[in-house]
Amino acid sequence: MNRLLVLAIVAAATFAVTFSVNYLTTSRFNGNPDYRFETIEGINIATDDKNIYIMEINRSLESPPIPHIRANSWNLTLNGSLWVSNVLKCFNGNIYAAGVDVVKIRNSKVVWVKDLVTKRVGYEGTRENPIPVYYEDILNVFDIESDGKYLYLNTRDGIVKTDEDLNVIWAVELLRRSGHRFGDLNDDISVSDGIYATRWNSVIKLNKDGELEWATSLKSDEKVKVKVKIPEEKRKAAEKEGEKVPEFYEVEKYWVDLYAVYAEDCVYVVGLVHERLNDQDYPFLAKLSSDGEIVWARIVNVTYPTPGTYELEGKIIRDKTTFIAWFSNCILFMFDENGKILNFYILNGEIGDVALTNNTIYIAALPIQIERIEKKPVIVEKREVKIKKIPAVSIPISIRAAEHELEAKRIECYSKNWEGGERMLIPV
């Protein structure tokens, strides 16, 4: 689901790139002396030292969506029944496309198609006499990372570690200390000395054995007073009863919402921060130690006039000493290890993914498709994608890392060969 993000930015020199995406085409512009941008039709991008891999989903009124992968020297059309539009990654010469299903490709050939499956329990009968019903549930994969030997898959429900052929080593889900689920993780994960994930304002680290090392919530150190909104008649009624209704209450000045994470020796996160007093959102970036301590936290002086909801997706890519952050569909900026903004861009278009190789930032974007009724053909309109460069600086803010009480619980999980057909719960 896509949402429009309206931005009010300080006056700035603006330039744009336009391209048509009703057929394979690319456009380039040199906005940065070190990087150029190239836009390609597709939804996901993966790169290695030699190739760029693009995933498309070809749609028509007469057939189901068909996943298609293009490389520099080959094209591969996958089975139209596969659901693999979430992820495209390349590790050690192997390409993995994933969603509900997972496909391994090598040298332009499909090696295998598998599903990750976990056992769950539901209940029938009455509250007084519940009858457990056990079933298999196919997990949906939203990101895959590798440490060179093993794969780490984010299913939002939790993290699964496998070998390169999807044989499960362990699988965990995150629980609160109360025993309730922590909730869906953000799509993006990172792997270095452990596995790092985010949700809302939290950063989570698992070790490579699937044990929770730490979880922290990024919170504002500053407090502000907010006026209590209560009808005057209710206030007077309460005061008649001898109750004192305060005019103000204290809240944290900022609320942090994280979208992407990158980890090596230190951990970098990006997202948005909401300032309660002026009801504005700002891009946010922070650096943490591998122990979960904040090294620095900064916001960018780019404001949004109307708070709203955004695409909860993104990634951070590192190139030598430069970090490239992309999130919420339209925000892309470069920063260094001290949080200095090197370049800041607004991407206007249906952006699906970004990647970096050979000093080129590749942007995957989709065309507009309009389905005509009465069996008339699908019309694919050309889409104009613009990239605006905005002068921006980062500003330190006071954010603390508060311990988040979570636990990692092992779950039964395994992979099995894909059988195709309709998705359903499988009784066991």
Protein backbone atom coordinates (compact mmCIF):
# COMPACT_ATOMS: atom_id res chain seq x y z
CA MET A 1 0.00 0.00 0.00
CA ASN A 2 1.44 3.33 -1.01
CA ARG A 3 0.95 6.63 0.69
CA LEU A 4 1.63 10.15 -0.48
CA LEU A 5 4.18 12.06 1.54
CA VAL A 6 3.85 15.83 1.18
CA LEU A 7 6.96 17.73 2.14
CA ALA A 8 7.58 21.38 2.86
CA ILE A 9 11.27 22.03 2.50
CA VAL A 10 13.37 25.14 2.87
CA ALA A 11 14.05 26.89 -0.45
CA ALA A 12 16.49 24.82 -2.45
CA ALA A 13 17.97 24.34 -5.86
CA THR A 14 16.13 21.45 -7.46
CA PHE A 15 16.91 19.16 -10.32
CA ALA A 16 15.16 16.04 -11.60
CA VAL A 17 15.47 12.95 -13.73
CA THR A 18 12.62 11.58 -15.83
CA PHE A 19 12.27 8.13 -17.33
CA SER A 20 9.67 5.90 -18.95
CA VAL A 21 9.13 2.46 -17.46
CA ASN A 22 6.68 0.76 -19.79
CA TYR A 23 9.70 -1.07 -21.19
CA LEU A 24 13.26 -1.67 -20.00
CA THR A 25 14.98 1.68 -19.76
CA THR A 26 17.38 3.55 -17.52
CA SER A 27 18.16 7.15 -16.75
CA ARG A 28 21.20 8.73 -15.14
CA PHE A 29 22.21 12.00 -13.60
CA ASN A 30 25.29 13.14 -11.77
CA GLY A 31 23.95 14.81 -8.64
CA ASN A 32 26.95 13.74 -6.57
CA PRO A 33 30.57 13.87 -7.79
CA ASP A 34 31.08 10.37 -6.37
CA TYR A 35 27.79 8.69 -7.29
CA ARG A 36 25.44 8.62 -10.20
CA PHE A 37 21.81 7.44 -10.12
CA GLU A 38 20.30 4.90 -12.48
CA THR A 39 16.61 3.98 -12.51
CA ILE A 40 15.41 0.60 -13.73
CA GLU A 41 11.95 -0.92 -14.04
CA GLY A 42 11.40 -3.49 -11.31
CA ILE A 43 10.47 -4.06 -7.68
CA ASN A 44 13.70 -5.51 -6.19
CA ILE A 45 17.42 -5.19 -6.96
CA ALA A 46 20.40 -7.33 -6.01
CA THR A 47 24.01 -6.76 -7.01
CA ASP A 48 27.39 -8.45 -6.89
CA ASP A 49 30.77 -7.44 -8.31
CA LYS A 50 29.77 -8.28 -11.89
CA ASN A 51 25.98 -8.30 -12.21
CA ILE A 52 22.83 -6.39 -11.42
CA TYR A 53 19.75 -8.55 -10.86
CA ILE A 54 16.27 -7.07 -11.24
CA MET A 55 12.98 -8.67 -10.26
CA GLU A 56 9.85 -7.74 -12.17
CA ILE A 57 6.31 -8.95 -11.66
CA ASN A 58 4.61 -9.11 -15.06
CA ARG A 59 0.85 -8.65 -14.73
CA SER A 60 -2.01 -9.05 -17.15
CA LEU A 61 -5.78 -9.46 -16.99
CA GLU A 62 -5.59 -12.95 -18.44
CA SER A 63 -2.99 -14.54 -16.14
CA PRO A 64 -1.72 -14.34 -12.54
CA PRO A 65 1.29 -12.15 -11.73
CA ILE A 66 4.47 -13.78 -13.08
CA PRO A 67 7.85 -13.18 -11.37
CA HIS A 68 10.70 -12.50 -13.77
CA ILE A 69 14.39 -11.95 -12.99
CA ARG A 70 16.76 -10.14 -15.35
CA ALA A 71 20.53 -10.10 -15.17
CA ASN A 72 23.25 -8.65 -17.39
CA SER A 73 23.40 -11.71 -19.62
CA TRP A 74 20.26 -13.77 -18.91
CA ASN A 75 16.52 -13.67 -18.19
CA LEU A 76 14.58 -16.12 -16.06
CA THR A 77 10.79 -16.43 -15.82
CA LEU A 78 9.61 -18.20 -12.67
CA ASN A 79 6.46 -20.21 -12.07
CA GLY A 80 3.45 -17.88 -11.98
CA SER A 81 2.20 -19.57 -8.79
CA LEU A 82 5.25 -18.48 -6.79
CA TRP A 83 4.97 -15.67 -4.25
CA VAL A 84 8.49 -14.21 -4.16
CA SER A 85 8.09 -10.46 -4.51
CA ASN A 86 9.44 -9.43 -1.07
CA VAL A 87 13.17 -10.14 -1.41
CA LEU A 88 15.93 -10.45 -3.99
CA LYS A 89 19.44 -11.04 -2.60
CA CYS A 90 22.77 -12.40 -3.89
CA PHE A 91 25.29 -14.24 -1.68
CA ASN A 92 28.33 -16.27 -2.82
CA GLY A 93 27.04 -16.45 -6.39
CA ASN A 94 23.62 -17.68 -5.26
CA ILE A 95 20.50 -15.59 -5.86
CA TYR A 96 17.56 -15.88 -3.47
CA ALA A 97 14.07 -14.63 -4.32
CA ALA A 98 11.64 -14.84 -1.44
CA GLY A 99 8.21 -14.08 -0.07
CA VAL A 100 5.83 -16.84 0.97
CA ASP A 101 8.06 -19.10 -1.14
CA VAL A 102 11.87 -19.12 -1.37
CA VAL A 103 13.78 -19.80 -4.61
CA LYS A 104 17.51 -20.44 -4.98
CA ILE A 105 19.05 -19.63 -8.37
CA ARG A 106 22.58 -20.20 -9.61
CA ASN A 107 23.99 -19.58 -13.09
CA SER A 108 20.51 -18.59 -14.33
CA LYS A 109 19.02 -21.96 -13.26
CA VAL A 110 16.56 -22.70 -10.45
CA VAL A 111 18.32 -24.96 -7.92
CA TRP A 112 15.28 -25.46 -5.66
CA VAL A 113 11.98 -23.97 -4.52
CA LYS A 114 11.08 -24.37 -0.85
CA ASP A 115 8.80 -23.07 1.90
CA LEU A 116 9.62 -22.31 5.52
CA VAL A 117 7.04 -24.00 7.73
CA THR A 118 6.29 -23.76 11.44
CA LYS A 119 3.85 -25.67 13.62
CA ARG A 120 1.09 -23.75 15.34
CA VAL A 121 -1.93 -24.56 17.45
CA GLY A 122 -5.50 -23.25 17.34
CA TYR A 123 -8.54 -24.27 19.36
CA GLU A 124 -12.00 -25.52 18.58
CA GLY A 125 -14.84 -26.45 20.85
CA THR A 126 -15.99 -24.26 23.74
CA ARG A 127 -14.21 -22.10 26.28
CA GLU A 128 -14.96 -24.70 28.91
CA ASN A 129 -13.80 -27.57 26.70
CA PRO A 130 -11.21 -26.29 24.18
CA ILE A 131 -9.90 -28.80 21.67
CA PRO A 132 -6.38 -28.07 20.34
CA VAL A 133 -5.96 -28.25 16.57
CA TYR A 134 -2.38 -28.39 15.31
CA TYR A 135 -1.47 -27.17 11.85
CA GLU A 136 1.46 -26.14 9.66
CA ASP A 137 1.82 -22.47 8.78
CA ILE A 138 3.98 -21.28 5.88
CA LEU A 139 6.12 -18.30 6.95
CA ASN A 140 6.45 -15.18 4.83
CA VAL A 141 10.05 -13.99 4.33
CA PHE A 142 10.67 -10.22 4.25
CA ASP A 143 14.47 -10.01 4.30
CA ILE A 144 17.48 -12.30 3.98
CA GLU A 145 21.05 -11.61 5.10
CA SER A 146 24.17 -13.77 5.18
CA ASP A 147 27.43 -13.95 7.14
CA GLY A 148 29.11 -15.82 4.28
CA LYS A 149 28.16 -19.27 5.56
CA TYR A 150 24.61 -19.12 6.91
CA LEU A 151 21.40 -17.35 5.91
CA TYR A 152 19.31 -15.30 8.36
CA LEU A 153 15.69 -14.78 7.34
CA ASN A 154 13.29 -12.24 8.80
CA THR A 155 9.70 -13.50 8.78
CA ARG A 156 8.44 -10.53 10.86
CA ASP A 157 7.21 -13.13 13.37
CA GLY A 158 10.86 -13.79 14.18
CA ILE A 159 14.28 -14.76 12.81
CA VAL A 160 15.26 -18.08 11.21
CA LYS A 161 18.85 -19.27 10.67
CA THR A 162 19.47 -21.79 7.87
CA ASP A 163 22.28 -23.09 5.70
CA GLU A 164 22.44 -21.96 2.07
CA ASP A 165 19.95 -24.70 1.10
CA LEU A 166 17.35 -23.51 3.66
CA ASN A 167 17.89 -26.34 6.12
CA VAL A 168 16.80 -24.77 9.43
CA ILE A 169 19.36 -24.52 12.24
CA TRP A 170 17.16 -22.52 14.62
CA ALA A 171 14.12 -20.27 14.62
CA VAL A 172 13.03 -17.82 17.31
CA GLU A 173 10.22 -15.39 17.97
CA LEU A 174 10.44 -12.40 20.30
CA LEU A 175 8.22 -12.23 23.36
CA ARG A 176 7.63 -9.65 26.04
CA ARG A 177 8.36 -10.74 29.60
CA SER A 178 4.60 -11.12 30.01
CA GLY A 179 4.75 -13.95 27.46
CA HIS A 180 2.87 -12.03 24.76
CA ARG A 181 4.34 -11.59 21.28
CA PHE A 182 6.46 -8.50 20.80
CA GLY A 183 4.86 -7.90 17.38
CA ASP A 184 5.98 -7.77 13.76
CA LEU A 185 9.58 -6.77 13.17
CA ASN A 186 10.44 -4.23 10.50
CA ASP A 187 11.49 -5.87 7.24
CA ASP A 188 15.15 -4.83 7.25
CA ILE A 189 17.70 -6.82 9.28
CA SER A 190 21.50 -6.73 9.43
CA VAL A 191 24.18 -9.29 10.31
CA SER A 192 27.69 -8.76 11.67
CA ASP A 193 28.72 -10.13 15.09
CA GLY A 194 25.02 -10.88 15.63
CA ILE A 195 21.63 -10.30 14.05
CA TYR A 196 20.10 -6.83 14.39
CA ALA A 197 16.45 -5.93 13.88
CA THR A 198 14.12 -3.02 14.67
CA ARG A 199 10.51 -2.41 15.58
CA TRP A 200 8.97 0.99 16.36
CA ASN A 201 11.63 2.74 18.50
CA SER A 202 13.40 -0.50 19.51
CA VAL A 203 16.69 -2.02 18.37
CA ILE A 204 17.17 -5.75 19.03
CA LYS A 205 20.32 -7.87 18.90
CA LEU A 206 20.43 -11.68 18.79
CA ASN A 207 23.66 -13.65 18.86
CA LYS A 208 24.25 -16.24 16.16
CA ASP A 209 22.86 -18.99 18.38
CA GLY A 210 19.48 -17.26 18.44
CA GLU A 211 19.78 -15.91 21.99
CA LEU A 212 18.77 -12.37 22.86
CA GLU A 213 21.82 -10.25 23.74
CA TRP A 214 20.02 -6.95 24.27
CA ALA A 215 17.02 -4.87 23.30
CA THR A 216 16.80 -1.12 23.76
CA SER A 217 14.16 1.52 23.15
CA LEU A 218 15.36 4.89 21.88
CA LYS A 219 13.61 7.52 23.97
CA SER A 220 13.74 11.28 24.30
CA ASP A 221 15.67 12.61 27.27
CA GLU A 222 13.71 15.86 27.06
CA LYS A 223 10.18 16.31 28.39
CA VAL A 224 7.58 18.83 27.26
CA LYS A 225 4.24 19.91 28.71
CA VAL A 226 1.14 19.19 26.65
CA LYS A 227 -2.21 20.78 27.42
CA VAL A 228 -4.85 18.37 28.71
CA LYS A 229 -7.72 18.28 26.24
CA ILE A 230 -10.91 17.95 28.28
CA PRO A 231 -14.30 19.66 27.73
CA GLU A 232 -14.80 22.61 30.10
CA GLU A 233 -18.04 21.17 31.48
CA LYS A 234 -16.27 17.95 32.47
CA ARG A 235 -13.48 19.94 34.11
CA LYS A 236 -16.01 21.96 36.15
CA ALA A 237 -17.92 18.80 37.11
CA ALA A 238 -14.71 17.17 38.33
CA GLU A 239 -13.74 20.24 40.33
CA LYS A 240 -17.20 20.26 41.98
CA GLU A 241 -16.47 16.76 43.20
CA GLY A 242 -13.23 18.03 44.69
CA GLU A 243 -10.99 16.61 41.96
CA LYS A 244 -8.19 18.73 40.58
CA VAL A 245 -7.79 18.29 36.82
CA PRO A 246 -4.29 19.33 35.73
CA GLU A 247 -4.01 21.71 32.79
CA PHE A 248 -0.85 20.06 31.45
CA TYR A 249 0.88 16.70 31.51
CA GLU A 250 4.48 15.80 30.65
CA VAL A 251 5.47 13.66 27.67
CA GLU A 252 8.68 12.87 25.82
CA LYS A 253 9.59 15.66 23.41
CA TYR A 254 10.34 13.20 20.56
CA TRP A 255 8.94 9.85 19.45
CA VAL A 256 11.31 7.72 17.36
CA ASP A 257 10.12 5.38 14.59
CA LEU A 258 12.88 3.23 13.04
CA TYR A 259 12.79 1.74 9.54
CA ALA A 260 16.25 0.36 8.69
CA VAL A 261 19.40 -0.95 10.39
CA TYR A 262 23.02 -1.59 9.36
CA ALA A 263 25.70 -3.20 11.51
CA GLU A 264 29.44 -3.77 11.35
CA ASP A 265 31.60 -2.74 14.32
CA CYS A 266 28.83 -0.30 15.26
CA VAL A 267 25.10 -0.20 14.55
CA TYR A 268 23.39 2.50 12.47
CA VAL A 269 19.62 3.05 12.36
CA VAL A 270 17.47 5.48 10.40
CA GLY A 271 13.80 6.47 10.45
CA LEU A 272 11.61 9.39 11.47
CA VAL A 273 11.30 11.28 14.71
CA HIS A 274 8.09 13.07 15.65
CA GLU A 275 8.34 16.31 17.64
CA ARG A 276 5.19 16.57 19.74
CA LEU A 277 5.10 20.33 20.34
CA ASN A 278 5.10 21.41 16.69
CA ASP A 279 3.56 18.17 15.36
CA GLN A 280 6.33 17.70 12.78
CA ASP A 281 8.32 14.71 11.56
CA TYR A 282 12.05 14.80 10.78
CA PRO A 283 14.44 12.21 9.33
CA PHE A 284 16.36 10.57 12.16
CA LEU A 285 19.68 8.72 12.31
CA ALA A 286 21.64 7.24 15.19
CA LYS A 287 24.79 5.26 15.87
CA LEU A 288 24.95 2.64 18.62
CA SER A 289 27.77 0.50 19.93
CA SER A 290 27.57 -3.27 19.52
CA ASP A 291 26.52 -3.32 23.20
CA GLY A 292 23.49 -1.12 22.53
CA GLU A 293 24.83 2.19 23.88
CA ILE A 294 24.08 5.35 21.90
CA VAL A 295 27.19 6.95 20.36
CA TRP A 296 25.22 9.83 18.76
CA ALA A 297 21.68 10.64 17.64
CA ARG A 298 20.71 13.33 15.13
CA ILE A 299 17.74 14.69 13.20
CA VAL A 300 17.79 16.34 9.76
CA ASN A 301 16.39 19.84 9.29
CA VAL A 302 13.81 18.68 6.72
CA THR A 303 10.27 19.10 8.03
CA TYR A 304 6.90 17.67 7.10
CA PRO A 305 3.92 20.03 7.39
CA THR A 306 1.31 17.33 8.08
CA PRO A 307 2.06 14.22 10.15
CA GLY A 308 0.89 11.01 8.52
CA THR A 309 1.70 7.38 7.92
CA TYR A 310 4.62 6.27 5.80
CA GLU A 311 6.04 3.19 4.11
CA LEU A 312 7.64 1.13 6.89
CA GLU A 313 10.53 -0.05 4.74
CA GLY A 314 14.10 0.93 4.02
CA LYS A 315 17.75 -0.06 3.99
CA ILE A 316 21.19 1.32 4.75
CA ILE A 317 24.09 0.59 2.39
CA ARG A 318 27.76 1.25 3.17
CA ASP A 319 30.36 2.28 0.59
CA LYS A 320 33.82 2.83 2.10
CA THR A 321 33.25 5.71 4.55
CA THR A 322 29.83 6.76 3.22
CA PHE A 323 26.44 5.42 4.32
CA ILE A 324 23.44 5.62 1.99
CA ALA A 325 20.06 5.51 3.73
CA TRP A 326 16.75 4.96 1.91
CA PHE A 327 13.40 4.64 3.67
CA SER A 328 9.70 5.46 3.58
CA ASN A 329 9.80 5.13 -0.23
CA CYS A 330 10.94 8.68 -0.91
CA ILE A 331 13.81 9.63 1.44
CA LEU A 332 17.42 9.00 0.40
CA PHE A 333 20.51 10.60 1.92
CA MET A 334 24.22 10.03 2.42
CA PHE A 335 25.94 10.44 5.78
CA ASP A 336 29.31 9.68 7.33
CA GLU A 337 30.21 7.76 10.49
CA ASN A 338 29.85 10.94 12.56
CA GLY A 339 26.30 11.62 11.35
CA LYS A 340 27.18 14.47 8.98
CA ILE A 341 24.74 14.73 6.04
CA LEU A 342 26.68 14.63 2.76
CA ASN A 343 23.70 14.79 0.36
CA PHE A 344 19.92 14.63 0.84
CA TYR A 345 17.33 13.71 -1.82
CA ILE A 346 13.57 13.36 -2.18
CA LEU A 347 12.54 10.53 -4.53
CA ASN A 348 9.16 11.13 -6.15
CA GLY A 349 7.81 7.92 -7.67
CA GLU A 350 6.83 4.32 -7.08
CA ILE A 351 10.20 3.26 -5.62
CA GLY A 352 10.55 -0.41 -4.70
CA ASP A 353 14.21 -0.87 -3.82
CA VAL A 354 17.70 0.62 -4.06
CA ALA A 355 21.16 -0.89 -4.46
CA LEU A 356 24.73 0.30 -4.87
CA THR A 357 27.59 -0.95 -7.05
CA ASN A 358 30.47 0.65 -8.96
CA ASN A 359 29.64 4.16 -7.67
CA THR A 360 26.10 3.89 -9.01
CA ILE A 361 22.93 3.99 -6.92
CA TYR A 362 20.31 1.85 -8.67
CA ILE A 363 16.65 2.61 -8.06
CA ALA A 364 13.93 0.07 -8.86
CA ALA A 365 10.65 1.74 -9.81
CA LEU A 366 7.29 0.54 -11.12
CA PRO A 367 5.05 1.80 -13.91
CA ILE A 368 1.41 2.76 -13.39
CA GLN A 369 -0.94 0.04 -14.56
CA ILE A 370 -4.60 0.82 -15.29
CA GLU A 371 -6.88 -2.17 -15.79
CA ARG A 372 -9.70 -1.46 -18.21
CA ILE A 373 -13.04 -3.20 -17.71
CA GLU A 374 -15.02 -5.15 -20.33
CA LYS A 375 -11.98 -7.22 -21.33
CA LYS A 376 -10.11 -4.30 -22.81
CA PRO A 377 -6.31 -4.47 -22.59
CA VAL A 378 -4.28 -3.20 -19.67
CA ILE A 379 -2.85 0.25 -20.26
CA VAL A 380 0.58 0.90 -18.78
CA GLU A 381 1.23 4.60 -18.40
CA LYS A 382 4.65 6.16 -18.40
CA ARG A 383 5.67 7.32 -14.96
CA GLU A 384 7.75 10.41 -14.34
CA VAL A 385 10.19 9.90 -11.47
CA LYS A 386 11.93 12.95 -10.07
CA ILE A 387 14.87 13.22 -7.72
CA LYS A 388 15.23 16.49 -5.82
CA LYS A 389 18.40 17.44 -4.04
CA ILE A 390 17.78 19.34 -0.81
CA PRO A 391 20.36 21.27 1.23
CA ALA A 392 20.21 19.66 4.66
CA VAL A 393 22.21 19.37 7.86
CA SER A 394 21.93 17.05 10.84
CA ILE A 395 21.38 18.38 14.35
CA PRO A 396 22.22 16.51 17.59
CA ILE A 397 19.29 15.64 19.84
CA SER A 398 19.21 14.09 23.29
CA ILE A 399 18.09 10.45 22.96
CA ARG A 400 18.73 7.71 25.51
CA ALA A 401 18.72 3.92 25.19
CA ALA A 402 16.33 2.32 27.68
CA GLU A 403 16.45 -1.42 28.32
CA HIS A 404 13.57 -3.29 26.71
CA GLU A 405 12.59 -6.50 28.51
CA LEU A 406 12.23 -9.14 25.81
CA GLU A 407 13.08 -12.79 25.43
CA ALA A 408 13.75 -15.00 22.41
CA LYS A 409 11.71 -18.21 22.34
CA ARG A 410 12.67 -21.16 20.15
CA ILE A 411 9.96 -22.30 17.76
CA GLU A 412 9.68 -25.47 15.72
CA CYS A 413 10.48 -24.63 12.11
CA TYR A 414 11.68 -26.54 9.05
CA SER A 415 11.79 -26.21 5.27
CA LYS A 416 10.11 -28.43 2.72
CA ASN A 417 9.96 -28.58 -1.03
CA TRP A 418 7.40 -26.29 -2.63
CA GLU A 419 4.26 -28.09 -3.74
CA GLY A 420 2.51 -25.21 -5.51
CA GLY A 421 -1.24 -24.75 -5.58
CA GLU A 422 -3.42 -22.58 -3.34
CA ARG A 423 -2.06 -21.40 0.02
CA MET A 424 -3.87 -22.89 2.98
CA LEU A 425 -3.35 -24.04 6.53
CA ILE A 426 -2.20 -27.65 6.54
CA PRO A 427 -3.59 -29.88 9.33
CA VAL A 428 -1.06 -32.17 11.00
